């Protein structure tokens, strides 16, 4: 027996290049459902909205007859089912899951789900299954699903938002990025003992996850995620070779900066991330760093003891550090502060030029969430600026010196705070060996 199948629109994505847009002759045995024959040609049933045989609509159970002509039409925009729980994503879409949570959508994800678990939970909880495995969507249990076309996470997000008409349902920062729980307002007093000193000074509004108790506030991560959302839905961040006008200029655009210098800074930053000093520290004890030894001191505060943002701040002077610690309103004083910040984040928040250079020059990065973001804050205003050449040279040596200290010389008191320490360390930088001085507590 034979029948003719013709796939319309986006369903051609599932067909070989030489078969797209053409009618396909299919030979089959009697008693075959239209669902089985469609999927034998590579198209999952979850991608289909309408099937016509001889101009008449049929469902998936229809038994195909000899010389039937079957027209198959794609689902263009799909509304989530009323009472459904949202999405469930396969093991390869972890970044997409984070993005959906960022926008406030229920996105169940675990990196140890098996296909049978994904199909079962999708059916039991009424979740839409998102995957790049078309065979997974062909399981009988799966009634709602979408085959994600792009391999680029931001493109994937745009696909899903468009496919399921989600634009009007976006409620940023209402769901926990870590566990997918909902975020609820919480008083500052209730979480005060869990906040780092600067966070206590700078922020008054907090949210807490109803499931895992993770605390959130509108710090630098919030601002970067808001920028990411703005860029994505302005259509500016879909492809990795587009310009990102809202991102700061690339580090390679700074006068005098070379690939060798940045490669060395990236290597030192990656090593410090692997050491992870924030895992052992409590509080924000400043460390005085002179790099080189005869240079004026910078006061370094390690970030991350609270478990949310990892990195460091390097204040240009004791007065800047004191102003930051004593300020009740950072927005009023930020323009008068002078400090350099290094934070670890995903590649989505890197300038395109620098991200391309990571691949081109092979600069090391410690993980998907450990790309070093480097910026300076200071006059003429509170905005973030690109670091200076001297800042990057300082980081090249200081990061290596701090890595040596935390690896070989770190001592903590009973409260997990740094004990006094003073030494001159010799480190290798892109400009050759450098001697730097460390002192705790900072003088």
Protein backbone atom coordinates (compact mmCIF):
# COMPACT_ATOMS: atom_id res chain seq x y z
CA UNK A 1 0.00 0.00 0.00
CA UNK A 2 1.16 3.56 -0.69
CA UNK A 3 0.11 7.06 0.35
CA UNK A 4 1.36 10.55 -0.37
CA UNK A 5 2.37 12.88 2.44
CA UNK A 6 2.96 16.61 2.14
CA UNK A 7 4.37 18.58 5.06
CA UNK A 8 3.76 22.30 5.27
CA UNK A 9 5.67 25.20 6.82
CA UNK A 10 8.01 24.55 9.75
CA UNK A 11 7.43 20.77 9.56
CA UNK A 12 9.97 20.77 6.74
CA UNK A 13 12.63 21.35 9.42
CA UNK A 14 12.38 17.63 10.18
CA UNK A 15 12.87 16.44 6.59
CA UNK A 16 16.09 15.86 4.63
CA UNK A 17 17.18 18.92 2.67
CA UNK A 18 16.40 17.30 -0.67
CA UNK A 19 12.87 16.40 0.45
CA UNK A 20 11.69 19.72 1.84
CA UNK A 21 8.65 21.23 0.17
CA UNK A 22 8.02 18.07 -1.84
CA UNK A 23 5.36 15.37 -1.64
CA UNK A 24 6.65 12.11 -0.20
CA UNK A 25 5.46 8.66 -1.28
CA UNK A 26 5.28 6.26 1.64
CA UNK A 27 4.93 2.48 1.35
CA UNK A 28 3.30 0.77 4.34
CA UNK A 29 1.43 -2.26 5.55
CA UNK A 30 -2.30 -2.19 6.22
CA UNK A 31 -3.57 -1.08 9.61
CA UNK A 32 -1.11 1.81 10.14
CA UNK A 33 -2.23 4.96 11.93
CA UNK A 34 -1.47 8.33 10.42
CA UNK A 35 0.49 9.20 13.58
CA UNK A 36 2.78 6.21 13.11
CA UNK A 37 3.44 6.96 9.45
CA UNK A 38 4.04 10.68 10.02
CA UNK A 39 6.56 9.93 12.77
CA UNK A 40 8.25 7.26 10.64
CA UNK A 41 9.06 10.13 8.28
CA UNK A 42 10.70 12.05 11.15
CA UNK A 43 8.01 14.49 12.27
CA UNK A 44 6.89 14.33 15.96
CA UNK A 45 3.15 14.49 16.58
CA UNK A 46 3.59 17.34 19.06
CA UNK A 47 4.59 19.62 16.17
CA UNK A 48 1.32 19.09 14.29
CA UNK A 49 -1.85 21.15 14.49
CA UNK A 50 -3.97 19.77 11.66
CA UNK A 51 -4.10 16.75 9.34
CA UNK A 52 -6.27 16.59 6.22
CA UNK A 53 -6.97 13.49 4.13
CA UNK A 54 -8.71 14.22 0.85
CA UNK A 55 -9.51 17.64 2.31
CA UNK A 56 -11.18 16.25 5.45
CA UNK A 57 -9.72 16.65 8.96
CA UNK A 58 -8.63 13.46 10.75
CA UNK A 59 -7.03 12.71 14.13
CA UNK A 60 -3.88 10.73 14.89
CA UNK A 61 -5.77 7.43 15.14
CA UNK A 62 -6.94 7.56 11.52
CA UNK A 63 -6.02 4.38 9.59
CA UNK A 64 -4.31 5.39 6.37
CA UNK A 65 -5.77 3.82 3.23
CA UNK A 66 -4.10 2.99 -0.08
CA UNK A 67 -3.50 6.10 -2.24
CA UNK A 68 -4.52 8.53 0.47
CA UNK A 69 -3.14 12.04 0.12
CA UNK A 70 -2.23 13.38 3.55
CA UNK A 71 -1.63 17.10 4.15
CA UNK A 72 0.08 17.87 7.46
CA UNK A 73 0.14 21.39 8.95
CA UNK A 74 2.33 22.73 11.77
CA UNK A 75 1.31 24.30 15.03
CA UNK A 76 2.31 27.95 14.69
CA UNK A 77 1.45 29.57 18.02
CA UNK A 78 0.23 27.41 20.88
CA UNK A 79 -1.43 28.51 24.12
CA UNK A 80 -0.40 26.67 27.28
CA UNK A 81 -3.21 24.45 28.54
CA UNK A 82 -5.31 25.87 31.35
CA UNK A 83 -4.29 24.22 34.60
CA UNK A 84 -0.96 23.08 33.17
CA UNK A 85 2.18 23.46 35.24
CA UNK A 86 4.47 25.06 32.66
CA UNK A 87 7.49 23.41 31.08
CA UNK A 88 9.82 20.48 31.60
CA UNK A 89 13.18 20.53 29.82
CA UNK A 90 15.57 17.76 28.87
CA UNK A 91 19.12 17.48 30.16
CA UNK A 92 20.65 19.54 27.34
CA UNK A 93 18.59 22.70 27.87
CA UNK A 94 19.78 23.85 31.28
CA UNK A 95 20.55 27.40 30.18
CA UNK A 96 17.13 27.73 28.55
CA UNK A 97 15.54 26.57 31.82
CA UNK A 98 17.36 29.35 33.69
CA UNK A 99 16.20 31.93 31.16
CA UNK A 100 12.58 30.81 31.42
CA UNK A 101 12.76 31.01 35.22
CA UNK A 102 14.31 34.48 34.89
CA UNK A 103 11.18 35.55 33.00
CA UNK A 104 8.93 34.04 35.68
CA UNK A 105 7.88 30.80 33.95
CA UNK A 106 7.62 27.42 35.67
CA UNK A 107 10.51 25.45 34.14
CA UNK A 108 11.21 22.05 35.70
CA UNK A 109 14.77 20.90 35.00
CA UNK A 110 17.23 18.38 36.40
CA UNK A 111 20.36 17.14 34.68
CA UNK A 112 19.69 13.54 35.73
CA UNK A 113 16.20 13.08 34.26
CA UNK A 114 15.85 10.01 32.00
CA UNK A 115 13.62 10.09 28.93
CA UNK A 116 11.01 7.96 30.67
CA UNK A 117 10.90 10.46 33.56
CA UNK A 118 10.52 13.41 31.21
CA UNK A 119 7.63 11.77 29.35
CA UNK A 120 5.89 10.68 32.56
CA UNK A 121 6.17 14.06 34.30
CA UNK A 122 5.09 15.89 31.17
CA UNK A 123 1.93 13.77 31.09
CA UNK A 124 1.19 13.66 34.82
CA UNK A 125 1.75 17.37 35.50
CA UNK A 126 0.51 18.78 32.20
CA UNK A 127 3.90 20.22 31.34
CA UNK A 128 5.11 21.11 27.86
CA UNK A 129 8.22 19.06 27.09
CA UNK A 130 11.02 21.11 25.52
CA UNK A 131 13.79 19.10 23.90
CA UNK A 132 16.15 18.80 20.94
CA UNK A 133 15.49 15.05 20.79
CA UNK A 134 12.67 14.55 18.31
CA UNK A 135 12.35 10.85 19.23
CA UNK A 136 11.52 11.83 22.79
CA UNK A 137 8.56 13.84 21.49
CA UNK A 138 7.25 10.78 19.64
CA UNK A 139 6.49 8.89 22.87
CA UNK A 140 2.76 8.20 23.24
CA UNK A 141 2.70 9.73 26.74
CA UNK A 142 3.83 13.11 25.45
CA UNK A 143 0.88 15.22 24.35
CA UNK A 144 2.50 18.66 24.62
CA UNK A 145 5.99 19.35 23.39
CA UNK A 146 8.24 21.41 21.21
CA UNK A 147 11.42 20.56 19.32
CA UNK A 148 13.80 23.46 19.98
CA UNK A 149 15.47 24.35 16.70
CA UNK A 150 18.38 26.57 17.72
CA UNK A 151 21.50 25.53 19.61
CA UNK A 152 21.98 29.07 20.93
CA UNK A 153 20.25 29.62 24.30
CA UNK A 154 19.01 33.13 23.59
CA UNK A 155 17.60 32.05 20.25
CA UNK A 156 15.95 29.12 22.04
CA UNK A 157 14.30 31.51 24.48
CA UNK A 158 12.91 33.63 21.67
CA UNK A 159 11.61 30.49 19.94
CA UNK A 160 9.74 29.31 23.01
CA UNK A 161 8.31 32.74 23.83
CA UNK A 162 7.02 33.08 20.27
CA UNK A 163 5.75 29.50 19.96
CA UNK A 164 3.70 29.65 23.17
CA UNK A 165 2.77 33.34 22.97
CA UNK A 166 4.41 34.15 26.30
CA UNK A 167 5.21 37.83 25.91
CA UNK A 168 2.25 39.04 27.98
CA UNK A 169 3.00 36.53 30.74
CA UNK A 170 6.56 37.64 31.47
CA UNK A 171 7.07 38.57 35.14
CA UNK A 172 10.84 38.89 35.61
CA UNK A 173 12.49 37.76 38.84
CA UNK A 174 9.42 36.12 40.33
CA UNK A 175 10.86 32.59 40.32
CA UNK A 176 13.97 31.07 41.86
CA UNK A 177 16.78 30.57 39.35
CA UNK A 178 18.21 27.78 41.48
CA UNK A 179 15.25 25.48 42.12
CA UNK A 180 12.26 26.92 40.20
CA UNK A 181 10.32 27.82 43.36
CA UNK A 182 8.32 31.03 43.60
CA UNK A 183 9.83 34.14 45.19
CA UNK A 184 8.03 35.90 48.01
CA UNK A 185 8.79 39.27 49.66
CA UNK A 186 10.68 38.98 52.94
CA UNK A 187 11.65 41.64 55.43
CA UNK A 188 15.27 42.68 55.71
CA UNK A 189 15.23 41.88 59.42
CA UNK A 190 14.25 38.27 58.72
CA UNK A 191 17.34 37.63 56.59
CA UNK A 192 19.77 40.12 58.14
CA UNK A 193 22.07 37.41 59.55
CA UNK A 194 22.46 35.91 56.07
CA UNK A 195 23.61 39.13 54.36
CA UNK A 196 27.14 40.33 53.73
CA UNK A 197 27.98 43.69 55.35
CA UNK A 198 27.82 45.76 52.15
CA UNK A 199 24.54 44.13 51.16
CA UNK A 200 23.08 45.13 54.51
CA UNK A 201 24.04 48.74 53.84
CA UNK A 202 23.04 49.02 50.21
CA UNK A 203 19.77 47.08 49.91
CA UNK A 204 16.45 47.09 51.72
CA UNK A 205 14.15 45.01 49.51
CA UNK A 206 14.54 41.23 49.49
CA UNK A 207 12.77 38.15 48.21
CA UNK A 208 13.11 34.57 49.36
CA UNK A 209 12.41 31.31 47.57
CA UNK A 210 9.42 29.47 49.02
CA UNK A 211 11.15 26.12 48.38
CA UNK A 212 14.91 26.43 48.94
CA UNK A 213 15.12 29.66 51.03
CA UNK A 214 17.59 31.32 48.64
CA UNK A 215 17.59 35.08 49.26
CA UNK A 216 17.51 37.54 46.34
CA UNK A 217 18.00 41.30 46.09
CA UNK A 218 18.41 43.81 43.28
CA UNK A 219 22.20 43.82 43.11
CA UNK A 220 24.52 43.82 40.10
CA UNK A 221 23.20 40.43 38.95
CA UNK A 222 19.69 41.84 38.84
CA UNK A 223 20.84 44.76 36.70
CA UNK A 224 22.71 42.49 34.28
CA UNK A 225 19.74 40.14 33.96
CA UNK A 226 17.42 43.08 33.31
CA UNK A 227 19.81 44.25 30.61
CA UNK A 228 19.82 40.75 29.14
CA UNK A 229 16.01 40.72 29.01
CA UNK A 230 15.90 44.16 27.40
CA UNK A 231 18.45 43.15 24.77
CA UNK A 232 16.81 39.84 23.99
CA UNK A 233 13.38 41.28 23.40
CA UNK A 234 14.72 44.20 21.42
CA UNK A 235 16.01 41.57 18.99
CA UNK A 236 19.61 42.59 19.60
CA UNK A 237 21.10 39.51 21.21
CA UNK A 238 19.98 36.65 19.03
CA UNK A 239 23.23 35.82 17.25
CA UNK A 240 26.75 35.71 18.66
CA UNK A 241 28.15 37.95 15.90
CA UNK A 242 25.71 40.83 16.43
CA UNK A 243 26.76 44.01 18.20
CA UNK A 244 25.41 44.48 21.73
CA UNK A 245 24.96 48.25 22.09
CA UNK A 246 23.89 47.97 25.73
CA UNK A 247 26.97 46.03 26.81
CA UNK A 248 30.19 47.86 27.78
CA UNK A 249 32.95 48.06 25.16
CA UNK A 250 35.15 45.00 24.82
CA UNK A 251 38.37 44.83 26.84
CA UNK A 252 40.38 44.44 23.64
CA UNK A 253 39.21 47.90 22.58
CA UNK A 254 41.06 49.54 25.48
CA UNK A 255 44.17 51.40 24.31
CA UNK A 256 47.33 49.39 24.96
CA UNK A 257 45.57 46.14 25.89
CA UNK A 258 46.94 43.06 24.11
CA UNK A 259 45.61 39.52 23.72
CA UNK A 260 48.59 38.31 25.76
CA UNK A 261 47.67 40.52 28.72
CA UNK A 262 44.00 39.56 28.65
CA UNK A 263 44.87 35.89 28.23
CA UNK A 264 47.01 36.11 31.36
CA UNK A 265 44.23 37.90 33.30
CA UNK A 266 41.69 35.27 32.20
CA UNK A 267 44.05 32.47 33.29
CA UNK A 268 44.58 34.08 36.72
CA UNK A 269 40.84 34.69 37.12
CA UNK A 270 40.06 31.08 36.20
CA UNK A 271 42.54 29.79 38.76
CA UNK A 272 41.12 32.00 41.53
CA UNK A 273 37.62 30.77 40.70
CA UNK A 274 38.78 27.15 41.00
CA UNK A 275 40.34 27.93 44.38
CA UNK A 276 37.04 29.49 45.47
CA UNK A 277 38.14 31.44 48.57
CA UNK A 278 34.53 32.56 49.20
CA UNK A 279 33.66 28.96 50.10
CA UNK A 280 35.61 29.30 53.35
CA UNK A 281 35.32 32.97 54.27
CA UNK A 282 32.79 34.76 56.44
CA UNK A 283 32.44 38.50 56.13
CA UNK A 284 34.39 40.94 53.99
CA UNK A 285 37.79 41.51 55.59
CA UNK A 286 39.78 43.87 53.33
CA UNK A 287 43.17 42.76 52.02
CA UNK A 288 45.78 45.40 51.17
CA UNK A 289 47.47 44.63 47.85
CA UNK A 290 50.42 46.60 46.43
CA UNK A 291 51.14 45.43 42.89
CA UNK A 292 53.93 46.01 42.13
CA UNK A 293 55.31 46.26 45.65
CA UNK A 294 56.16 49.97 45.38
CA UNK A 295 52.72 50.94 43.98
CA UNK A 296 49.99 52.61 46.05
CA UNK A 297 47.80 50.06 47.86
CA UNK A 298 44.39 48.89 46.74
CA UNK A 299 41.96 47.41 49.27
CA UNK A 300 40.48 44.12 48.10
CA UNK A 301 37.23 42.68 49.42
CA UNK A 302 36.35 39.13 48.36
CA UNK A 303 32.70 38.62 47.38
CA UNK A 304 30.63 35.47 47.56
CA UNK A 305 30.42 34.40 51.20
CA UNK A 306 26.64 34.86 50.84
CA UNK A 307 26.57 32.39 47.97
CA UNK A 308 25.10 34.61 45.25
CA UNK A 309 27.82 36.64 43.47
CA UNK A 310 31.46 35.55 43.31
CA UNK A 311 34.44 37.81 42.67
CA UNK A 312 36.16 40.79 44.27
CA UNK A 313 36.08 44.55 44.62
CA UNK A 314 39.36 46.50 44.71
CA UNK A 315 39.01 50.00 46.18
CA UNK A 316 41.55 52.62 45.13
CA UNK A 317 41.99 53.91 48.68
CA UNK A 318 40.99 53.39 52.28
CA UNK A 319 38.71 56.41 51.93
CA UNK A 320 36.82 54.74 49.06
CA UNK A 321 36.41 51.55 51.08
CA UNK A 322 35.26 53.48 54.14
CA UNK A 323 32.76 55.46 52.08
CA UNK A 324 31.35 52.23 50.64
CA UNK A 325 31.03 50.65 54.07
CA UNK A 326 29.47 53.69 55.72
CA UNK A 327 27.17 54.86 52.94
CA UNK A 328 23.47 54.42 53.60
CA UNK A 329 22.61 55.16 49.96
CA UNK A 330 25.14 53.93 47.39
CA UNK A 331 23.36 55.75 44.55
CA UNK A 332 24.18 59.10 46.16
CA UNK A 333 27.83 58.31 46.79
CA UNK A 334 28.72 55.99 43.90
CA UNK A 335 30.00 58.84 41.73
CA UNK A 336 32.56 59.67 44.42
CA UNK A 337 33.80 56.12 44.86
CA UNK A 338 36.66 54.64 42.88
CA UNK A 339 36.88 50.88 42.65
CA UNK A 340 37.54 48.00 40.29
CA UNK A 341 35.25 44.97 40.23
CA UNK A 342 35.71 41.45 38.93
CA UNK A 343 32.66 39.20 39.01
CA UNK A 344 32.07 35.75 37.56
CA UNK A 345 29.08 35.33 35.29
CA UNK A 346 27.81 33.54 32.19
CA UNK A 347 29.06 34.40 28.71
CA UNK A 348 25.76 36.17 27.97
CA UNK A 349 27.04 39.26 29.76
CA UNK A 350 30.36 39.52 27.93
CA UNK A 351 31.07 41.92 25.10
CA UNK A 352 30.90 40.08 21.79
CA UNK A 353 34.46 41.07 20.93
CA UNK A 354 35.82 39.49 24.11
CA UNK A 355 33.68 36.37 23.80
CA UNK A 356 34.95 35.84 20.26
CA UNK A 357 38.53 36.32 21.50
CA UNK A 358 38.04 33.59 24.13
CA UNK A 359 37.49 31.13 21.31
CA UNK A 360 40.06 32.59 18.96
CA UNK A 361 42.94 32.79 21.44
CA UNK A 362 41.92 29.92 23.72
CA UNK A 363 41.75 32.01 26.90
CA UNK A 364 40.86 29.72 29.81
CA UNK A 365 37.50 29.97 31.61
CA UNK A 366 36.74 27.94 34.73
CA UNK A 367 33.12 27.10 33.84
CA UNK A 368 29.90 28.16 32.14
CA UNK A 369 29.11 30.60 34.96
CA UNK A 370 32.73 31.72 35.47
CA UNK A 371 33.46 34.18 32.67
CA UNK A 372 35.31 37.13 34.25
CA UNK A 373 33.38 40.39 33.97
CA UNK A 374 35.69 43.34 34.72
CA UNK A 375 34.50 46.92 35.19
CA UNK A 376 35.39 50.13 36.98
CA UNK A 377 33.07 52.41 38.93
CA UNK A 378 33.91 56.02 39.68
CA UNK A 379 33.54 59.61 38.61
CA UNK A 380 32.07 61.22 36.60
CA UNK A 381 29.04 59.20 37.76
CA UNK A 382 27.73 55.92 39.18
CA UNK A 383 27.75 54.08 35.83
CA UNK A 384 30.07 51.17 35.14
CA UNK A 385 33.02 51.98 32.91
CA UNK A 386 35.68 49.95 31.13
CA UNK A 387 38.80 49.35 33.24
CA UNK A 388 42.04 51.15 32.39
CA UNK A 389 45.16 49.43 31.07
CA UNK A 390 46.77 49.83 34.51
CA UNK A 391 43.75 48.12 36.11
CA UNK A 392 44.23 45.04 33.94
CA UNK A 393 47.98 44.96 34.61
CA UNK A 394 47.21 45.20 38.33
CA UNK A 395 44.72 42.34 38.08
CA UNK A 396 47.26 40.21 36.21
CA UNK A 397 49.54 40.28 39.22
CA UNK A 398 47.06 40.70 42.07
CA UNK A 399 44.90 37.71 41.09
CA UNK A 400 47.97 35.48 41.04
CA UNK A 401 49.15 36.80 44.38
CA UNK A 402 45.75 36.28 45.95
CA UNK A 403 45.57 32.79 44.47
CA UNK A 404 48.95 31.95 46.01
CA UNK A 405 47.85 33.33 49.38
CA UNK A 406 44.54 31.44 49.48
CA UNK A 407 46.23 28.23 48.36
CA UNK A 408 49.34 28.21 50.56
CA UNK A 409 49.04 30.77 53.36
CA UNK A 410 45.36 31.13 54.30
CA UNK A 411 44.58 30.97 58.02
CA UNK A 412 41.16 31.61 59.58
CA UNK A 413 40.06 32.28 63.12
CA UNK A 414 37.17 30.51 64.86
CA UNK A 415 34.69 32.81 63.08
CA UNK A 416 36.12 31.97 59.62
CA UNK A 417 37.70 35.41 59.30
CA UNK A 418 41.19 36.13 57.99
CA UNK A 419 43.96 36.24 60.60
CA UNK A 420 46.76 38.85 60.32
CA UNK A 421 49.25 38.20 57.52
CA UNK A 422 51.97 40.16 55.74
CA UNK A 423 54.32 39.04 52.99
CA UNK A 424 55.96 39.90 49.68
CA UNK A 425 55.13 37.38 46.95
CA UNK A 426 56.75 36.90 43.55
CA UNK A 427 54.40 36.05 40.68
CA UNK A 428 54.66 35.62 36.92
CA UNK A 429 52.62 37.98 34.75
CA UNK A 430 52.38 38.68 31.03
CA UNK A 431 55.06 41.37 31.53
CA UNK A 432 57.37 39.03 33.43
CA UNK A 433 57.96 38.43 37.15
CA UNK A 434 56.46 40.94 39.60
CA UNK A 435 56.82 41.31 43.36
CA UNK A 436 53.66 42.31 45.20
CA UNK A 437 52.91 42.93 48.86
CA UNK A 438 49.90 41.59 50.77
CA UNK A 439 48.82 42.75 54.23
CA UNK A 440 45.93 41.67 56.46
CA UNK A 441 44.31 43.59 57.96
CA UNK A 442 44.67 46.42 55.51
CA UNK A 443 46.44 49.40 56.98
